[in-house]
Amino acid sequence: MVQGALACGDASVRKEAAARRAASEAALRHRLQRAKREGDLSKNADPAELASYVMTVVRGMAVQSAGGASRDQLRQVAQMALRAWPKR
């Protein structure tokens, strides 16, 4: 979806794809806010920053996958992203 929307010349498709990406990030941000309230996420963690980070990594992984990255390569990216996750 990411690559297709970026390459598409149709403005309405790009707008719809952007809206869906924004909605996904907002949903994750809300979930991380709840995790912070419930003590499952560090008090110092910023849910908005984390949601942006996670969605950027996920979208990048989708592009890499479409470009032929192996499961092991993608797993390495995910493991690196988890090492950057704030500790509780």
Protein backbone atom coordinates (compact mmCIF):
# COMPACT_ATOMS: atom_id res chain seq x y z
CA MET A 1 0.00 0.00 0.00
CA VAL A 2 2.78 2.44 0.88
CA GLN A 3 4.64 2.16 -2.41
CA GLY A 4 1.50 2.07 -4.49
CA ALA A 5 0.08 5.20 -2.91
CA LEU A 6 3.33 7.08 -3.29
CA ALA A 7 3.65 6.13 -6.95
CA CYS A 8 0.02 6.72 -7.86
CA GLY A 9 -0.78 9.86 -9.77
CA ASP A 10 -4.34 10.01 -8.47
CA ALA A 11 -4.61 12.61 -5.70
CA SER A 12 -7.70 10.98 -4.18
CA VAL A 13 -5.85 7.66 -3.79
CA ARG A 14 -2.87 9.40 -2.17
CA LYS A 15 -5.25 11.27 0.16
CA GLU A 16 -7.08 8.08 1.15
CA ALA A 17 -3.82 6.22 1.77
CA ALA A 18 -2.53 9.10 3.90
CA ALA A 19 -5.76 9.11 5.91
CA ARG A 20 -5.46 5.37 6.54
CA ARG A 21 -1.84 5.72 7.63
CA ALA A 22 -2.80 8.55 9.98
CA ALA A 23 -5.68 6.51 11.42
CA SER A 24 -3.39 3.53 12.06
CA GLU A 25 -0.86 5.71 13.81
CA ALA A 26 -3.57 7.39 15.89
CA ALA A 27 -4.94 4.00 16.97
CA LEU A 28 -1.49 2.89 18.04
CA ARG A 29 -0.89 6.19 19.85
CA HIS A 30 -4.14 5.76 21.81
CA ARG A 31 -3.19 2.21 22.74
CA LEU A 32 0.24 3.36 23.93
CA GLN A 33 -1.39 6.14 25.96
CA ARG A 34 -3.51 3.50 27.67
CA ALA A 35 -0.43 1.36 28.30
CA LYS A 36 1.28 4.35 29.91
CA ARG A 37 -1.75 5.05 32.13
CA GLU A 38 -1.87 1.40 33.18
CA GLY A 39 1.84 1.27 33.96
CA ASP A 40 2.77 -1.05 31.08
CA LEU A 41 4.85 1.68 29.47
CA SER A 42 7.53 3.81 31.06
CA LYS A 43 6.40 7.08 32.64
CA ASN A 44 9.02 8.84 30.50
CA ALA A 45 7.79 7.31 27.24
CA ASP A 46 6.06 9.57 24.73
CA PRO A 47 3.18 7.63 23.12
CA ALA A 48 3.03 9.94 20.10
CA GLU A 49 6.76 9.60 19.41
CA LEU A 50 6.63 5.85 19.89
CA ALA A 51 3.64 5.47 17.58
CA SER A 52 5.41 7.49 14.90
CA TYR A 53 8.57 5.43 15.34
CA VAL A 54 6.78 2.08 15.19
CA MET A 55 4.74 3.03 12.14
CA THR A 56 7.84 4.33 10.36
CA VAL A 57 9.66 1.05 11.04
CA VAL A 58 6.66 -1.03 9.96
CA ARG A 59 6.20 0.94 6.74
CA GLY A 60 9.90 0.73 6.00
CA MET A 61 9.81 -3.00 6.57
CA ALA A 62 6.89 -3.26 4.15
CA VAL A 63 8.91 -1.47 1.49
CA GLN A 64 11.92 -3.70 2.17
CA SER A 65 9.74 -6.79 1.99
CA ALA A 66 8.27 -5.70 -1.34
CA GLY A 67 11.84 -5.21 -2.55
CA GLY A 68 12.75 -8.80 -1.71
CA ALA A 69 14.13 -8.62 1.84
CA SER A 70 14.19 -12.03 3.48
CA ARG A 71 12.32 -12.99 6.62
CA ASP A 72 15.63 -13.07 8.49
CA GLN A 73 16.54 -9.57 7.32
CA LEU A 74 13.16 -8.24 8.43
CA ARG A 75 13.46 -10.07 11.75
CA GLN A 76 16.81 -8.35 12.33
CA VAL A 77 15.20 -4.97 11.71
CA ALA A 78 12.41 -5.80 14.17
CA GLN A 79 14.91 -6.92 16.80
CA MET A 80 16.87 -3.70 16.40
CA ALA A 81 13.69 -1.66 16.73
CA LEU A 82 12.81 -3.52 19.93
CA ARG A 83 16.23 -2.72 21.40
CA ALA A 84 15.32 0.96 21.03
CA TRP A 85 12.04 0.46 22.92
CA PRO A 86 11.94 2.30 26.27
CA LYS A 87 12.47 0.15 29.33
CA ARG A 88 9.83 0.11 32.04
